[in-house]
PDB file of N, CA and C in Angstrom:
ATOM      1  N   UNK A   1       5.164  52.129 -13.792  1.00  0.00           N
ATOM      2  CA  UNK A   1       4.691  52.000 -12.427  1.00  0.00           C
ATOM      3  C   UNK A   1       3.332  51.319 -12.440  1.00  0.00           C
ATOM      4  N   UNK A   2       3.142  50.411 -11.507  1.00  0.00           N
ATOM      5  CA  UNK A   2       1.856  49.731 -11.359  1.00  0.00           C
ATOM      6  C   UNK A   2       1.327  49.972  -9.952  1.00  0.00           C
ATOM      7  N   UNK A   3       0.046  50.269  -9.859  1.00  0.00           N
ATOM      8  CA  UNK A   3      -0.623  50.344  -8.566  1.00  0.00           C
ATOM      9  C   UNK A   3      -1.178  48.952  -8.299  1.00  0.00           C
ATOM     10  N   UNK A   4      -0.731  48.341  -7.222  1.00  0.00           N
ATOM     11  CA  UNK A   4      -1.042  46.935  -6.957  1.00  0.00           C
ATOM     12  C   UNK A   4      -1.843  46.827  -5.668  1.00  0.00           C
ATOM     13  N   UNK A   5      -2.816  45.935  -5.689  1.00  0.00           N
ATOM     14  CA  UNK A   5      -3.624  45.643  -4.494  1.00  0.00           C
ATOM     15  C   UNK A   5      -3.379  44.195  -4.110  1.00  0.00           C
ATOM     16  N   UNK A   6      -2.964  43.984  -2.876  1.00  0.00           N
ATOM     17  CA  UNK A   6      -2.826  42.637  -2.343  1.00  0.00           C
ATOM     18  C   UNK A   6      -4.204  42.216  -1.847  1.00  0.00           C
ATOM     19  N   UNK A   7      -4.880  41.312  -2.560  1.00  0.00           N
ATOM     20  CA  UNK A   7      -6.259  40.975  -2.200  1.00  0.00           C
ATOM     21  C   UNK A   7      -6.381  40.151  -0.924  1.00  0.00           C
ATOM     22  N   UNK A   8      -5.268  39.641  -0.399  1.00  0.00           N
ATOM     23  CA  UNK A   8      -5.331  38.759   0.758  1.00  0.00           C
ATOM     24  C   UNK A   8      -5.076  39.452   2.084  1.00  0.00           C
ATOM     25  N   UNK A   9      -4.703  40.705   2.056  1.00  0.00           N
ATOM     26  CA  UNK A   9      -4.442  41.279   3.367  1.00  0.00           C
ATOM     27  C   UNK A   9      -3.760  42.612   3.357  1.00  0.00           C
ATOM     28  N   UNK A  10      -3.030  42.831   4.386  1.00  0.00           N
ATOM     29  CA  UNK A  10      -2.461  44.132   4.662  1.00  0.00           C
ATOM     30  C   UNK A  10      -0.938  44.109   4.589  1.00  0.00           C
ATOM     31  N   UNK A  11      -0.399  43.520   3.562  1.00  0.00           N
ATOM     32  CA  UNK A  11       1.043  43.499   3.378  1.00  0.00           C
ATOM     33  C   UNK A  11       1.389  44.375   2.192  1.00  0.00           C
ATOM     34  N   UNK A  12       2.265  45.330   2.398  1.00  0.00           N
ATOM     35  CA  UNK A  12       2.643  46.235   1.329  1.00  0.00           C
ATOM     36  C   UNK A  12       4.094  46.035   0.941  1.00  0.00           C
ATOM     37  N   UNK A  13       4.388  46.479  -0.233  1.00  0.00           N
ATOM     38  CA  UNK A  13       5.728  46.449  -0.803  1.00  0.00           C
ATOM     39  C   UNK A  13       6.666  47.276   0.070  1.00  0.00           C
ATOM     40  N   UNK A  14       7.868  46.757   0.306  1.00  0.00           N
ATOM     41  CA  UNK A  14       8.861  47.455   1.121  1.00  0.00           C
ATOM     42  C   UNK A  14      10.074  47.872   0.301  1.00  0.00           C
ATOM     43  N   UNK A  15      10.033  47.685  -1.020  1.00  0.00           N
ATOM     44  CA  UNK A  15      11.169  47.997  -1.884  1.00  0.00           C
ATOM     45  C   UNK A  15      11.081  49.384  -2.498  1.00  0.00           C
ATOM     46  N   UNK A  16      11.664  49.504  -3.692  1.00  0.00           N
ATOM     47  CA  UNK A  16      11.713  50.763  -4.414  1.00  0.00           C
ATOM     48  C   UNK A  16      10.292  51.296  -4.643  1.00  0.00           C
ATOM     49  N   UNK A  17      10.066  52.566  -4.340  1.00  0.00           N
ATOM     50  CA  UNK A  17       8.793  53.270  -4.453  1.00  0.00           C
ATOM     51  C   UNK A  17       7.765  52.830  -3.410  1.00  0.00           C
ATOM     52  N   UNK A  18       8.211  52.172  -2.354  1.00  0.00           N
ATOM     53  CA  UNK A  18       7.318  51.866  -1.234  1.00  0.00           C
ATOM     54  C   UNK A  18       6.949  53.166  -0.534  1.00  0.00           C
ATOM     55  N   UNK A  19       5.993  53.095   0.362  1.00  0.00           N
ATOM     56  CA  UNK A  19       5.606  54.266   1.138  1.00  0.00           C
ATOM     57  C   UNK A  19       6.844  54.869   1.810  1.00  0.00           C
ATOM     58  N   UNK A  20       7.045  56.171   1.610  1.00  0.00           N
ATOM     59  CA  UNK A  20       8.163  56.870   2.226  1.00  0.00           C
ATOM     60  C   UNK A  20       9.496  56.707   1.524  1.00  0.00           C
ATOM     61  N   UNK A  21       9.560  55.966   0.421  1.00  0.00           N
ATOM     62  CA  UNK A  21      10.815  55.759  -0.296  1.00  0.00           C
ATOM     63  C   UNK A  21      11.301  57.065  -0.917  1.00  0.00           C
ATOM     64  N   UNK A  22      12.602  57.258  -0.952  1.00  0.00           N
ATOM     65  CA  UNK A  22      13.180  58.511  -1.454  1.00  0.00           C
ATOM     66  C   UNK A  22      13.079  58.658  -2.974  1.00  0.00           C
ATOM     67  N   UNK A  23      12.684  57.623  -3.701  1.00  0.00           N
ATOM     68  CA  UNK A  23      12.536  57.716  -5.157  1.00  0.00           C
ATOM     69  C   UNK A  23      11.323  58.547  -5.572  1.00  0.00           C
ATOM     70  N   UNK A  24      10.395  58.788  -4.654  1.00  0.00           N
ATOM     71  CA  UNK A  24       9.206  59.579  -4.971  1.00  0.00           C
ATOM     72  C   UNK A  24       9.588  61.047  -5.080  1.00  0.00           C
ATOM     73  N   UNK A  25       9.401  61.607  -6.273  1.00  0.00           N
ATOM     74  CA  UNK A  25       9.627  63.036  -6.481  1.00  0.00           C
ATOM     75  C   UNK A  25       8.272  63.745  -6.459  1.00  0.00           C
ATOM     76  N   UNK A  26       8.256  65.035  -6.196  1.00  0.00           N
ATOM     77  CA  UNK A  26       6.970  65.758  -6.231  1.00  0.00           C
ATOM     78  C   UNK A  26       6.276  65.634  -7.595  1.00  0.00           C
ATOM     79  N   UNK A  27       7.052  65.642  -8.678  1.00  0.00           N
ATOM     80  CA  UNK A  27       6.477  65.531 -10.028  1.00  0.00           C
ATOM     81  C   UNK A  27       5.836  64.164 -10.242  1.00  0.00           C
ATOM     82  N   UNK A  28       6.514  63.109  -9.791  1.00  0.00           N
ATOM     83  CA  UNK A  28       5.969  61.759  -9.952  1.00  0.00           C
ATOM     84  C   UNK A  28       4.725  61.580  -9.095  1.00  0.00           C
ATOM     85  N   UNK A  29       4.757  62.092  -7.875  1.00  0.00           N
ATOM     86  CA  UNK A  29       3.576  62.015  -7.010  1.00  0.00           C
ATOM     87  C   UNK A  29       2.376  62.689  -7.670  1.00  0.00           C
ATOM     88  N   UNK A  30       2.609  63.847  -8.263  1.00  0.00           N
ATOM     89  CA  UNK A  30       1.518  64.577  -8.913  1.00  0.00           C
ATOM     90  C   UNK A  30       1.026  63.824 -10.150  1.00  0.00           C
ATOM     91  N   UNK A  31       1.938  63.316 -10.967  1.00  0.00           N
ATOM     92  CA  UNK A  31       1.556  62.611 -12.200  1.00  0.00           C
ATOM     93  C   UNK A  31       0.730  61.363 -11.906  1.00  0.00           C
ATOM     94  N   UNK A  32       1.044  60.660 -10.817  1.00  0.00           N
ATOM     95  CA  UNK A  32       0.346  59.416 -10.485  1.00  0.00           C
ATOM     96  C   UNK A  32      -0.756  59.617  -9.446  1.00  0.00           C
ATOM     97  N   UNK A  33      -0.993  60.886  -9.082  1.00  0.00           N
ATOM     98  CA  UNK A  33      -1.991  61.171  -8.041  1.00  0.00           C
ATOM     99  C   UNK A  33      -1.709  60.312  -6.810  1.00  0.00           C
ATOM    100  N   UNK A  34      -0.446  60.353  -6.408  1.00  0.00           N
ATOM    101  CA  UNK A  34       0.065  59.539  -5.306  1.00  0.00           C
ATOM    102  C   UNK A  34      -0.681  59.809  -4.018  1.00  0.00           C
ATOM    103  N   UNK A  35      -1.043  58.748  -3.330  1.00  0.00           N
ATOM    104  CA  UNK A  35      -1.663  58.820  -2.012  1.00  0.00           C
ATOM    105  C   UNK A  35      -0.709  58.096  -1.069  1.00  0.00           C
ATOM    106  N   UNK A  36      -0.427  58.684   0.064  1.00  0.00           N
ATOM    107  CA  UNK A  36       0.535  58.079   0.990  1.00  0.00           C
ATOM    108  C   UNK A  36       0.065  56.765   1.587  1.00  0.00           C
ATOM    109  N   UNK A  37      -1.206  56.432   1.438  1.00  0.00           N
ATOM    110  CA  UNK A  37      -1.745  55.206   2.018  1.00  0.00           C
ATOM    111  C   UNK A  37      -1.356  55.107   3.491  1.00  0.00           C
ATOM    112  N   UNK A  38      -1.710  56.149   4.243  1.00  0.00           N
ATOM    113  CA  UNK A  38      -1.328  56.187   5.651  1.00  0.00           C
ATOM    114  C   UNK A  38      -1.887  54.990   6.416  1.00  0.00           C
ATOM    115  N   UNK A  39      -3.015  54.471   6.000  1.00  0.00           N
ATOM    116  CA  UNK A  39      -3.542  53.246   6.590  1.00  0.00           C
ATOM    117  C   UNK A  39      -3.202  52.116   5.615  1.00  0.00           C
ATOM    118  N   UNK A  40      -2.485  51.111   6.095  1.00  0.00           N
ATOM    119  CA  UNK A  40      -2.074  50.010   5.227  1.00  0.00           C
ATOM    120  C   UNK A  40      -3.294  49.216   4.788  1.00  0.00           C
ATOM    121  N   UNK A  41      -3.616  49.325   3.499  1.00  0.00           N
ATOM    122  CA  UNK A  41      -4.770  48.617   2.940  1.00  0.00           C
ATOM    123  C   UNK A  41      -4.324  47.573   1.928  1.00  0.00           C
ATOM    124  N   UNK A  42      -3.031  47.268   1.908  1.00  0.00           N
ATOM    125  CA  UNK A  42      -2.514  46.312   0.942  1.00  0.00           C
ATOM    126  C   UNK A  42      -2.434  46.881  -0.458  1.00  0.00           C
ATOM    127  N   UNK A  43      -2.425  48.222  -0.594  1.00  0.00           N
ATOM    128  CA  UNK A  43      -2.332  48.893  -1.888  1.00  0.00           C
ATOM    129  C   UNK A  43      -0.990  49.610  -1.947  1.00  0.00           C
ATOM    130  N   UNK A  44      -0.251  49.407  -3.047  1.00  0.00           N
ATOM    131  CA  UNK A  44       1.071  50.017  -3.136  1.00  0.00           C
ATOM    132  C   UNK A  44       1.506  50.155  -4.589  1.00  0.00           C
ATOM    133  N   UNK A  45       2.479  51.029  -4.825  1.00  0.00           N
ATOM    134  CA  UNK A  45       3.064  51.225  -6.148  1.00  0.00           C
ATOM    135  C   UNK A  45       4.335  50.402  -6.277  1.00  0.00           C
ATOM    136  N   UNK A  46       4.562  49.849  -7.480  1.00  0.00           N
ATOM    137  CA  UNK A  46       5.811  49.141  -7.797  1.00  0.00           C
ATOM    138  C   UNK A  46       6.290  49.590  -9.170  1.00  0.00           C
ATOM    139  N   UNK A  47       7.601  49.744  -9.288  1.00  0.00           N
ATOM    140  CA  UNK A  47       8.162  50.046 -10.605  1.00  0.00           C
ATOM    141  C   UNK A  47       8.184  48.759 -11.435  1.00  0.00           C
ATOM    142  N   UNK A  48       8.189  48.915 -12.748  1.00  0.00           N
ATOM    143  CA  UNK A  48       8.071  47.782 -13.668  1.00  0.00           C
ATOM    144  C   UNK A  48       9.211  46.784 -13.500  1.00  0.00           C
ATOM    145  N   UNK A  49      10.435  47.259 -13.282  1.00  0.00           N
ATOM    146  CA  UNK A  49      11.571  46.353 -13.103  1.00  0.00           C
ATOM    147  C   UNK A  49      11.377  45.464 -11.880  1.00  0.00           C
ATOM    148  N   UNK A  50      10.849  46.006 -10.797  1.00  0.00           N
ATOM    149  CA  UNK A  50      10.592  45.205  -9.592  1.00  0.00           C
ATOM    150  C   UNK A  50       9.481  44.191  -9.843  1.00  0.00           C
ATOM    151  N   UNK A  51       8.457  44.582 -10.610  1.00  0.00           N
ATOM    152  CA  UNK A  51       7.382  43.646 -10.955  1.00  0.00           C
ATOM    153  C   UNK A  51       7.967  42.454 -11.706  1.00  0.00           C
ATOM    154  N   UNK A  52       8.819  42.721 -12.689  1.00  0.00           N
ATOM    155  CA  UNK A  52       9.422  41.632 -13.467  1.00  0.00           C
ATOM    156  C   UNK A  52      10.310  40.742 -12.610  1.00  0.00           C
ATOM    157  N   UNK A  53      10.921  41.308 -11.593  1.00  0.00           N
ATOM    158  CA  UNK A  53      11.810  40.550 -10.721  1.00  0.00           C
ATOM    159  C   UNK A  53      11.042  39.680  -9.728  1.00  0.00           C
ATOM    160  N   UNK A  54       9.935  40.182  -9.201  1.00  0.00           N
ATOM    161  CA  UNK A  54       9.268  39.524  -8.074  1.00  0.00           C
ATOM    162  C   UNK A  54       7.983  38.778  -8.413  1.00  0.00           C
ATOM    163  N   UNK A  55       7.476  38.919  -9.630  1.00  0.00           N
ATOM    164  CA  UNK A  55       6.236  38.230  -9.999  1.00  0.00           C
ATOM    165  C   UNK A  55       6.486  37.272 -11.159  1.00  0.00           C
ATOM    166  N   UNK A  56       5.843  36.125 -11.108  1.00  0.00           N
ATOM    167  CA  UNK A  56       5.929  35.171 -12.218  1.00  0.00           C
ATOM    168  C   UNK A  56       4.698  35.237 -13.101  1.00  0.00           C
ATOM    169  N   UNK A  57       3.646  35.904 -12.633  1.00  0.00           N
ATOM    170  CA  UNK A  57       2.432  36.055 -13.444  1.00  0.00           C
ATOM    171  C   UNK A  57       1.705  37.322 -13.003  1.00  0.00           C
ATOM    172  N   UNK A  58       0.836  37.816 -13.884  1.00  0.00           N
ATOM    173  CA  UNK A  58       0.018  38.993 -13.601  1.00  0.00           C
ATOM    174  C   UNK A  58      -1.420  38.678 -13.934  1.00  0.00           C
ATOM    175  N   UNK A  59      -2.322  39.163 -13.116  1.00  0.00           N
ATOM    176  CA  UNK A  59      -3.746  39.078 -13.416  1.00  0.00           C
ATOM    177  C   UNK A  59      -4.284  40.493 -13.395  1.00  0.00           C
ATOM    178  N   UNK A  60      -4.794  40.935 -14.528  1.00  0.00           N
ATOM    179  CA  UNK A  60      -5.318  42.290 -14.653  1.00  0.00           C
ATOM    180  C   UNK A  60      -6.827  42.269 -14.468  1.00  0.00           C
ATOM    181  N   UNK A  61      -7.340  43.338 -13.900  1.00  0.00           N
ATOM    182  CA  UNK A  61      -8.760  43.415 -13.637  1.00  0.00           C
ATOM    183  C   UNK A  61      -9.276  44.778 -14.092  1.00  0.00           C
ATOM    184  N   UNK A  62     -10.271  44.783 -14.954  1.00  0.00           N
ATOM    185  CA  UNK A  62     -10.871  46.034 -15.415  1.00  0.00           C
ATOM    186  C   UNK A  62     -12.267  45.745 -15.932  1.00  0.00           C
ATOM    187  N   UNK A  63     -12.986  46.803 -16.236  1.00  0.00           N
ATOM    188  CA  UNK A  63     -14.345  46.694 -16.762  1.00  0.00           C
ATOM    189  C   UNK A  63     -14.269  46.656 -18.283  1.00  0.00           C
ATOM    190  N   UNK A  64     -14.516  45.513 -18.925  1.00  0.00           N
ATOM    191  CA  UNK A  64     -14.412  45.422 -20.387  1.00  0.00           C
ATOM    192  C   UNK A  64     -15.375  46.342 -21.126  1.00  0.00           C
ATOM    193  N   UNK A  65     -16.444  46.783 -20.480  1.00  0.00           N
ATOM    194  CA  UNK A  65     -17.400  47.676 -21.135  1.00  0.00           C
ATOM    195  C   UNK A  65     -16.777  49.041 -21.449  1.00  0.00           C
ATOM    196  N   UNK A  66     -15.626  49.349 -20.856  1.00  0.00           N
ATOM    197  CA  UNK A  66     -14.955  50.617 -21.114  1.00  0.00           C
ATOM    198  C   UNK A  66     -14.285  50.663 -22.483  1.00  0.00           C
ATOM    199  N   UNK A  67     -14.125  49.513 -23.121  1.00  0.00           N
ATOM    200  CA  UNK A  67     -13.373  49.431 -24.368  1.00  0.00           C
ATOM    201  C   UNK A  67     -14.291  49.171 -25.562  1.00  0.00           C
ATOM    202  N   UNK A  68     -14.064  49.890 -26.645  1.00  0.00           N
ATOM    203  CA  UNK A  68     -14.858  49.711 -27.857  1.00  0.00           C
ATOM    204  C   UNK A  68     -14.518  48.373 -28.508  1.00  0.00           C
ATOM    205  N   UNK A  69     -13.236  48.045 -28.589  1.00  0.00           N
ATOM    206  CA  UNK A  69     -12.774  46.807 -29.214  1.00  0.00           C
ATOM    207  C   UNK A  69     -12.222  45.884 -28.147  1.00  0.00           C
ATOM    208  N   UNK A  70     -12.497  44.596 -28.307  1.00  0.00           N
ATOM    209  CA  UNK A  70     -12.041  43.623 -27.322  1.00  0.00           C
ATOM    210  C   UNK A  70     -11.462  42.404 -28.018  1.00  0.00           C
ATOM    211  N   UNK A  71     -10.432  41.846 -27.434  1.00  0.00           N
ATOM    212  CA  UNK A  71      -9.856  40.593 -27.910  1.00  0.00           C
ATOM    213  C   UNK A  71      -9.270  39.883 -26.701  1.00  0.00           C
ATOM    214  N   UNK A  72      -9.550  38.616 -26.556  1.00  0.00           N
ATOM    215  CA  UNK A  72      -9.011  37.830 -25.450  1.00  0.00           C
ATOM    216  C   UNK A  72      -7.951  36.884 -25.980  1.00  0.00           C
ATOM    217  N   UNK A  73      -6.893  36.735 -25.230  1.00  0.00           N
ATOM    218  CA  UNK A  73      -5.879  35.749 -25.552  1.00  0.00           C
ATOM    219  C   UNK A  73      -5.200  35.311 -24.271  1.00  0.00           C
ATOM    220  N   UNK A  74      -4.642  34.133 -24.313  1.00  0.00           N
ATOM    221  CA  UNK A  74      -3.948  33.574 -23.154  1.00  0.00           C
ATOM    222  C   UNK A  74      -2.580  33.102 -23.620  1.00  0.00           C
ATOM    223  N   UNK A  75      -1.579  33.476 -22.878  1.00  0.00           N
ATOM    224  CA  UNK A  75      -0.220  33.118 -23.261  1.00  0.00           C
ATOM    225  C   UNK A  75       0.680  33.250 -22.042  1.00  0.00           C
ATOM    226  N   UNK A  76       1.898  32.796 -22.166  1.00  0.00           N
ATOM    227  CA  UNK A  76       2.891  32.935 -21.107  1.00  0.00           C
ATOM    228  C   UNK A  76       3.889  34.009 -21.492  1.00  0.00           C
ATOM    229  N   UNK A  77       4.263  34.847 -20.539  1.00  0.00           N
ATOM    230  CA  UNK A  77       5.300  35.851 -20.752  1.00  0.00           C
ATOM    231  C   UNK A  77       6.562  35.384 -20.072  1.00  0.00           C
ATOM    232  N   UNK A  78       7.665  35.540 -20.737  1.00  0.00           N
ATOM    233  CA  UNK A  78       8.958  35.252 -20.128  1.00  0.00           C
ATOM    234  C   UNK A  78       9.604  36.578 -19.756  1.00  0.00           C
ATOM    235  N   UNK A  79      10.209  36.650 -18.585  1.00  0.00           N
ATOM    236  CA  UNK A  79      10.840  37.884 -18.129  1.00  0.00           C
ATOM    237  C   UNK A  79      11.863  38.355 -19.158  1.00  0.00           C
ATOM    238  N   UNK A  80      12.606  37.439 -19.744  1.00  0.00           N
ATOM    239  CA  UNK A  80      13.615  37.813 -20.743  1.00  0.00           C
ATOM    240  C   UNK A  80      12.979  38.523 -21.928  1.00  0.00           C
ATOM    241  N   UNK A  81      11.770  38.124 -22.311  1.00  0.00           N
ATOM    242  CA  UNK A  81      11.074  38.777 -23.423  1.00  0.00           C
ATOM    243  C   UNK A  81      10.624  40.182 -23.045  1.00  0.00           C
ATOM    244  N   UNK A  82      10.238  40.386 -21.792  1.00  0.00           N
ATOM    245  CA  UNK A  82       9.698  41.665 -21.358  1.00  0.00           C
ATOM    246  C   UNK A  82      10.786  42.717 -21.138  1.00  0.00           C
ATOM    247  N   UNK A  83      11.989  42.312 -20.813  1.00  0.00           N
ATOM    248  CA  UNK A  83      13.039  43.281 -20.504  1.00  0.00           C
ATOM    249  C   UNK A  83      13.533  44.020 -21.739  1.00  0.00           C
ATOM    250  N   UNK A  84      13.184  43.543 -22.926  1.00  0.00           N
ATOM    251  CA  UNK A  84      13.607  44.264 -24.130  1.00  0.00           C
ATOM    252  C   UNK A  84      12.774  45.524 -24.352  1.00  0.00           C
ATOM    253  N   UNK A  85      11.655  45.654 -23.623  1.00  0.00           N
ATOM    254  CA  UNK A  85      10.824  46.849 -23.732  1.00  0.00           C
ATOM    255  C   UNK A  85      11.317  47.904 -22.753  1.00  0.00           C
ATOM    256  N   UNK A  86      10.981  49.129 -23.011  1.00  0.00           N
ATOM    257  CA  UNK A  86      11.373  50.244 -22.152  1.00  0.00           C
ATOM    258  C   UNK A  86      10.676  50.099 -20.801  1.00  0.00           C
ATOM    259  N   UNK A  87      11.425  49.799 -19.751  1.00  0.00           N
ATOM    260  CA  UNK A  87      10.838  49.582 -18.439  1.00  0.00           C
ATOM    261  C   UNK A  87      10.469  50.872 -17.747  1.00  0.00           C
ATOM    262  N   UNK A  88      10.765  52.013 -18.358  1.00  0.00           N
ATOM    263  CA  UNK A  88      10.407  53.303 -17.766  1.00  0.00           C
ATOM    264  C   UNK A  88       8.991  53.709 -18.143  1.00  0.00           C
ATOM    265  N   UNK A  89       8.324  52.928 -18.959  1.00  0.00           N
ATOM    266  CA  UNK A  89       6.961  53.265 -19.374  1.00  0.00           C
ATOM    267  C   UNK A  89       6.022  53.241 -18.185  1.00  0.00           C
ATOM    268  N   UNK A  90       4.966  53.994 -18.272  1.00  0.00           N
ATOM    269  CA  UNK A  90       3.971  54.070 -17.206  1.00  0.00           C
ATOM    270  C   UNK A  90       2.635  53.631 -17.751  1.00  0.00           C
ATOM    271  N   UNK A  91       1.952  52.756 -17.022  1.00  0.00           N
ATOM    272  CA  UNK A  91       0.597  52.363 -17.383  1.00  0.00           C
ATOM    273  C   UNK A  91      -0.359  53.329 -16.707  1.00  0.00           C
ATOM    274  N   UNK A  92      -1.345  53.781 -17.417  1.00  0.00           N
ATOM    275  CA  UNK A  92      -2.316  54.712 -16.850  1.00  0.00           C
ATOM    276  C   UNK A  92      -3.587  53.963 -16.491  1.00  0.00           C
ATOM    277  N   UNK A  93      -4.143  54.301 -15.386  1.00  0.00           N
ATOM    278  CA  UNK A  93      -5.352  53.640 -14.916  1.00  0.00           C
ATOM    279  C   UNK A  93      -6.545  54.021 -15.765  1.00  0.00           C
ATOM    280  N   UNK A  94      -7.459  53.082 -15.940  1.00  0.00           N
ATOM    281  CA  UNK A  94      -8.708  53.357 -16.640  1.00  0.00           C
ATOM    282  C   UNK A  94      -9.666  54.013 -15.655  1.00  0.00           C
ATOM    283  N   UNK A  95     -10.512  54.913 -16.135  1.00  0.00           N
ATOM    284  CA  UNK A  95     -11.472  55.571 -15.219  1.00  0.00           C
ATOM    285  C   UNK A  95     -12.467  54.594 -14.643  1.00  0.00           C
TER     286      UNK A  95
END
C-alpha cells in the first residue's frame, strides 16, 4: 500500500482502497493508521497492483538526513519486472 499525494489538486483515487471502499478492514486501518480524509486534500491510499497498472513512473520524496547510508541511482522500471515481486508487501512511512 502506498499513501499518495496529488500535488496538483483535489483529485483522489476512486478505485480499490479508495475512501469508503469495502476492502478496508479494521485491522488494515489500524496497521496503516488510516485516516478517512473526510476533506479531500488529494491524499489517498493505493494498493501496489493498482500503482503498477496506473503509473508509468514514481517520484519518491523523503528527508535523506534520516538515513545513515545513502546511494543514488537512476534507472527505468518495467512493470513486467516489478510483478515478479510479492505485491502484497507494505511500504512503511519514514518518521
